Amino acid sequence: MGEDADQRNGYYPVSLDVAGRPCLVVGGGPVAARKARGLLASGAAVTVIAPDLCPDMAALSPLAVERRPYARGDADRFRLVVTATGIAEVDGAVYADADAAGVWVNSADDRAHCSFILPSVHRDGAVTIAVSTGGSAPAMASWLRARLAAHAGTGVGALAYVLGEARTRLQEAGVSPQSVDWTALLDGPLPSLVEEGRLDSARALLAAAVANVVEN
């Protein structure tokens, strides 16, 4: 029973597609700017509500800015909300509004007022390494993420790209991608070929694996 309770209290990891979707950041300081930057990098349509903007926030684009305090009900028209004013009463009000409206909300450094939390992230192309401690130890999440990224090495984004090409060829041939032993390929010379920039050799290796499955 104790183990089941621990599992229920855990967070459900997911990658959200926010491209083109309306997202709100409440607050104009450096922390809010960092949150807005991450949303913009993922293609979100970001609105910022804050009386004043720090230089980092003012430099972001494209950004819809409403220079005023947060007003009750503002969260209702967005798909996702991040509040980072540093003022407990304001962040709490934003959380209450968003949660009542069924909108996912994150309150910076305030786990009690979050319906989702943000992991520590490393990106390389399509590859994302995300580490979370459930909000209990953000410094540890950053520490672990840096070590995992270093262990993965450079080129994992390119590796994912060439693997995706091979997977697409299988699907176009009407063959299940599960037919290929991807683990064996990844445990072989393929990652080193990509890391060394020898993409033609990597593609040739994958083409042979695809042809072997398609022909058989």
Protein backbone atom coordinates (compact mmCIF):
# COMPACT_ATOMS: atom_id res chain seq x y z
CA MET A 1 0.00 0.00 0.00
CA GLY A 2 2.85 2.37 0.80
CA GLU A 3 4.46 1.78 -2.58
CA ASP A 4 1.19 2.43 -4.42
CA ALA A 5 0.74 5.68 -2.49
CA ASP A 6 4.24 6.81 -3.46
CA GLN A 7 3.48 6.08 -7.12
CA ARG A 8 0.25 8.06 -6.97
CA ASN A 9 2.13 11.02 -5.53
CA GLY A 10 4.62 11.03 -8.40
CA TYR A 11 4.50 13.30 -11.46
CA TYR A 12 3.52 12.01 -14.89
CA PRO A 13 6.37 12.86 -17.31
CA VAL A 14 5.24 14.19 -20.67
CA SER A 15 6.47 16.34 -23.56
CA LEU A 16 3.90 19.00 -24.47
CA ASP A 17 3.43 20.42 -27.96
CA VAL A 18 2.87 24.12 -27.25
CA ALA A 19 3.65 25.33 -30.78
CA GLY A 20 1.18 28.04 -31.72
CA ARG A 21 -0.77 27.59 -28.51
CA PRO A 22 -1.54 30.58 -26.24
CA CYS A 23 0.61 30.52 -23.10
CA LEU A 24 0.77 33.11 -20.32
CA VAL A 25 3.72 34.23 -18.23
CA VAL A 26 2.86 36.42 -15.26
CA GLY A 27 5.79 38.52 -14.09
CA GLY A 28 8.43 40.61 -15.79
CA GLY A 29 11.61 39.72 -13.88
CA PRO A 30 14.59 37.49 -14.75
CA VAL A 31 12.90 34.25 -13.64
CA ALA A 32 9.79 35.03 -15.67
CA ALA A 33 12.01 35.93 -18.63
CA ARG A 34 13.69 32.54 -18.44
CA LYS A 35 10.30 30.81 -18.45
CA ALA A 36 9.10 32.91 -21.38
CA ARG A 37 12.28 32.17 -23.33
CA GLY A 38 11.75 28.44 -22.94
CA LEU A 39 8.15 28.68 -24.17
CA LEU A 40 9.15 30.80 -27.15
CA ALA A 41 11.87 28.32 -28.06
CA SER A 42 9.15 25.66 -28.24
CA GLY A 43 7.03 27.79 -30.56
CA ALA A 44 4.39 28.91 -28.07
CA ALA A 45 2.36 32.09 -28.58
CA VAL A 46 3.45 33.83 -25.39
CA THR A 47 1.71 36.67 -23.59
CA VAL A 48 3.37 38.38 -20.63
CA ILE A 49 1.37 40.27 -18.03
CA ALA A 50 3.48 42.48 -15.77
CA PRO A 51 3.63 46.17 -14.78
CA ASP A 52 7.34 46.31 -15.64
CA LEU A 53 9.78 44.24 -17.68
CA CYS A 54 13.42 43.54 -16.94
CA PRO A 55 15.86 43.99 -19.87
CA ASP A 56 15.98 40.23 -20.56
CA MET A 57 12.20 40.08 -20.88
CA ALA A 58 11.98 43.25 -22.94
CA ALA A 59 14.48 41.77 -25.43
CA LEU A 60 12.38 38.67 -26.13
CA SER A 61 10.43 38.36 -29.38
CA PRO A 62 7.80 37.62 -30.55
CA LEU A 63 6.02 38.47 -27.34
CA ALA A 64 2.61 39.97 -26.59
CA VAL A 65 2.99 42.25 -23.57
CA GLU A 66 0.28 43.65 -21.32
CA ARG A 67 1.94 46.16 -18.97
CA ARG A 68 -0.36 45.93 -15.98
CA PRO A 69 -0.92 43.84 -12.85
CA TYR A 70 -2.54 40.45 -13.18
CA ALA A 71 -6.35 40.62 -13.03
CA ARG A 72 -8.68 37.88 -11.92
CA GLY A 73 -9.74 35.68 -14.84
CA ASP A 74 -6.71 36.47 -17.02
CA ALA A 75 -5.59 32.84 -16.93
CA ASP A 76 -8.85 31.55 -18.41
CA ARG A 77 -7.97 32.28 -22.04
CA PHE A 78 -4.66 30.36 -22.10
CA ARG A 79 -3.70 26.71 -22.46
CA LEU A 80 -0.77 26.91 -20.07
CA VAL A 81 0.29 29.44 -17.44
CA VAL A 82 3.55 30.16 -15.64
CA THR A 83 3.58 32.66 -12.80
CA ALA A 84 6.87 34.04 -11.50
CA THR A 85 6.21 37.37 -9.83
CA GLY A 86 7.92 36.45 -6.58
CA ILE A 87 4.88 37.84 -4.75
CA ALA A 88 3.14 34.99 -2.95
CA GLU A 89 -0.31 36.60 -3.02
CA VAL A 90 -0.15 37.23 -6.77
CA ASP A 91 1.27 33.84 -7.68
CA GLY A 92 -1.29 32.18 -5.44
CA ALA A 93 -4.14 34.08 -7.11
CA VAL A 94 -2.87 33.10 -10.57
CA TYR A 95 -2.71 29.47 -9.50
CA ALA A 96 -6.23 29.57 -8.08
CA ASP A 97 -7.60 31.13 -11.27
CA ALA A 98 -5.83 28.75 -13.61
CA ASP A 99 -6.63 25.64 -11.62
CA ALA A 100 -10.30 26.57 -11.37
CA ALA A 101 -10.40 27.06 -15.14
CA GLY A 102 -8.73 23.71 -15.83
CA VAL A 103 -5.55 25.37 -17.12
CA TRP A 104 -2.16 23.84 -16.36
CA VAL A 105 -0.13 26.18 -14.17
CA ASN A 106 3.40 26.38 -12.78
CA SER A 107 4.36 28.72 -9.95
CA ALA A 108 8.12 29.30 -9.87
CA ASP A 109 9.74 27.96 -6.68
CA ASP A 110 6.33 27.16 -5.19
CA ARG A 111 5.56 23.47 -5.64
CA ALA A 112 2.33 23.71 -3.63
CA HIS A 113 0.88 26.00 -6.31
CA CYS A 114 1.79 23.93 -9.36
CA SER A 115 -0.26 21.53 -11.42
CA PHE A 116 2.93 20.82 -13.39
CA ILE A 117 6.61 21.30 -12.68
CA LEU A 118 9.48 22.01 -15.06
CA PRO A 119 12.46 19.63 -15.25
CA SER A 120 16.08 20.56 -15.80
CA VAL A 121 16.59 20.24 -19.56
CA HIS A 122 19.40 19.65 -22.06
CA ARG A 123 18.56 19.76 -25.77
CA ASP A 124 20.42 18.55 -28.84
CA GLY A 125 18.27 18.66 -31.94
CA ALA A 126 15.25 16.44 -31.41
CA VAL A 127 16.79 14.86 -28.32
CA THR A 128 15.74 16.18 -24.93
CA ILE A 129 17.28 15.04 -21.67
CA ALA A 130 14.99 16.09 -18.83
CA VAL A 131 15.59 15.41 -15.15
CA SER A 132 13.16 16.05 -12.33
CA THR A 133 13.30 15.49 -8.59
CA GLY A 134 9.60 16.25 -8.21
CA GLY A 135 10.48 19.80 -7.22
CA SER A 136 12.28 18.70 -4.05
CA ALA A 137 15.89 19.31 -5.14
CA PRO A 138 16.26 21.47 -8.29
CA ALA A 139 20.03 21.76 -7.82
CA MET A 140 20.33 17.98 -7.91
CA ALA A 141 18.22 17.86 -11.09
CA SER A 142 20.62 20.32 -12.77
CA TRP A 143 23.63 18.37 -11.50
CA LEU A 144 22.30 15.07 -12.81
CA ARG A 145 21.17 16.56 -16.12
CA ALA A 146 24.66 17.96 -16.78
CA ARG A 147 26.23 14.58 -16.13
CA LEU A 148 23.77 12.71 -18.33
CA ALA A 149 24.32 15.21 -21.14
CA ALA A 150 28.08 14.81 -20.85
CA HIS A 151 27.74 11.03 -20.89
CA ALA A 152 25.52 11.16 -23.99
CA GLY A 153 28.19 13.21 -25.75
CA THR A 154 27.86 15.37 -28.82
CA GLY A 155 25.89 14.39 -31.87
CA VAL A 156 22.91 12.69 -30.25
CA GLY A 157 20.61 15.09 -32.07
CA ALA A 158 22.14 14.11 -35.42
CA LEU A 159 21.97 10.46 -34.39
CA ALA A 160 18.24 10.77 -33.73
CA TYR A 161 17.83 12.43 -37.13
CA VAL A 162 19.48 9.63 -39.14
CA LEU A 163 17.60 7.01 -37.11
CA GLY A 164 14.38 8.86 -37.90
CA GLU A 165 15.22 8.74 -41.62
CA ALA A 166 15.65 4.97 -41.42
CA ARG A 167 12.43 4.56 -39.45
CA THR A 168 10.53 6.57 -42.07
CA ARG A 169 11.87 4.37 -44.88
CA LEU A 170 10.60 1.29 -43.06
CA GLN A 171 7.17 2.81 -42.57
CA GLU A 172 7.00 3.83 -46.24
CA ALA A 173 7.83 0.24 -47.17
CA GLY A 174 4.99 -0.99 -44.98
CA VAL A 175 7.35 -2.64 -42.51
CA SER A 176 7.08 -2.23 -38.75
CA PRO A 177 10.02 -0.29 -37.26
CA GLN A 178 9.99 -2.90 -34.48
CA SER A 179 11.48 -5.32 -37.00
CA VAL A 180 14.91 -3.70 -36.65
CA ASP A 181 17.18 -4.40 -33.70
CA TRP A 182 17.81 -0.74 -32.91
CA THR A 183 19.58 -1.57 -29.66
CA ALA A 184 22.19 -3.61 -31.49
CA LEU A 185 22.74 -0.73 -33.93
CA LEU A 186 23.10 1.77 -31.10
CA ASP A 187 25.45 -0.53 -29.22
CA GLY A 188 27.56 -0.86 -32.36
CA PRO A 189 29.63 1.70 -34.31
CA LEU A 190 26.65 3.86 -35.34
CA PRO A 191 26.90 6.49 -32.55
CA SER A 192 30.65 6.91 -33.07
CA LEU A 193 30.19 7.37 -36.82
CA VAL A 194 27.70 10.15 -36.22
CA GLU A 195 29.78 11.80 -33.50
CA GLU A 196 32.79 11.79 -35.84
CA GLY A 197 30.70 13.46 -38.55
CA ARG A 198 30.73 10.41 -40.82
CA LEU A 199 27.04 10.66 -41.61
CA ASP A 200 27.33 8.95 -45.01
CA SER A 201 28.81 5.88 -43.34
CA ALA A 202 26.12 5.99 -40.64
CA ARG A 203 23.39 6.21 -43.27
CA ALA A 204 24.93 3.32 -45.21
CA LEU A 205 24.93 1.17 -42.07
CA LEU A 206 21.28 1.99 -41.44
CA ALA A 207 20.35 1.45 -45.09
CA ALA A 208 21.82 -2.05 -44.92
CA ALA A 209 19.81 -2.81 -41.76
CA VAL A 210 16.63 -1.51 -43.40
CA ALA A 211 17.23 -3.43 -46.61
CA ASN A 212 17.83 -6.63 -44.68
CA VAL A 213 14.46 -6.32 -42.95
CA VAL A 214 12.52 -5.21 -46.05
CA GLU A 215 13.92 -7.95 -48.26
CA ASN A 216 13.25 -10.64 -45.70
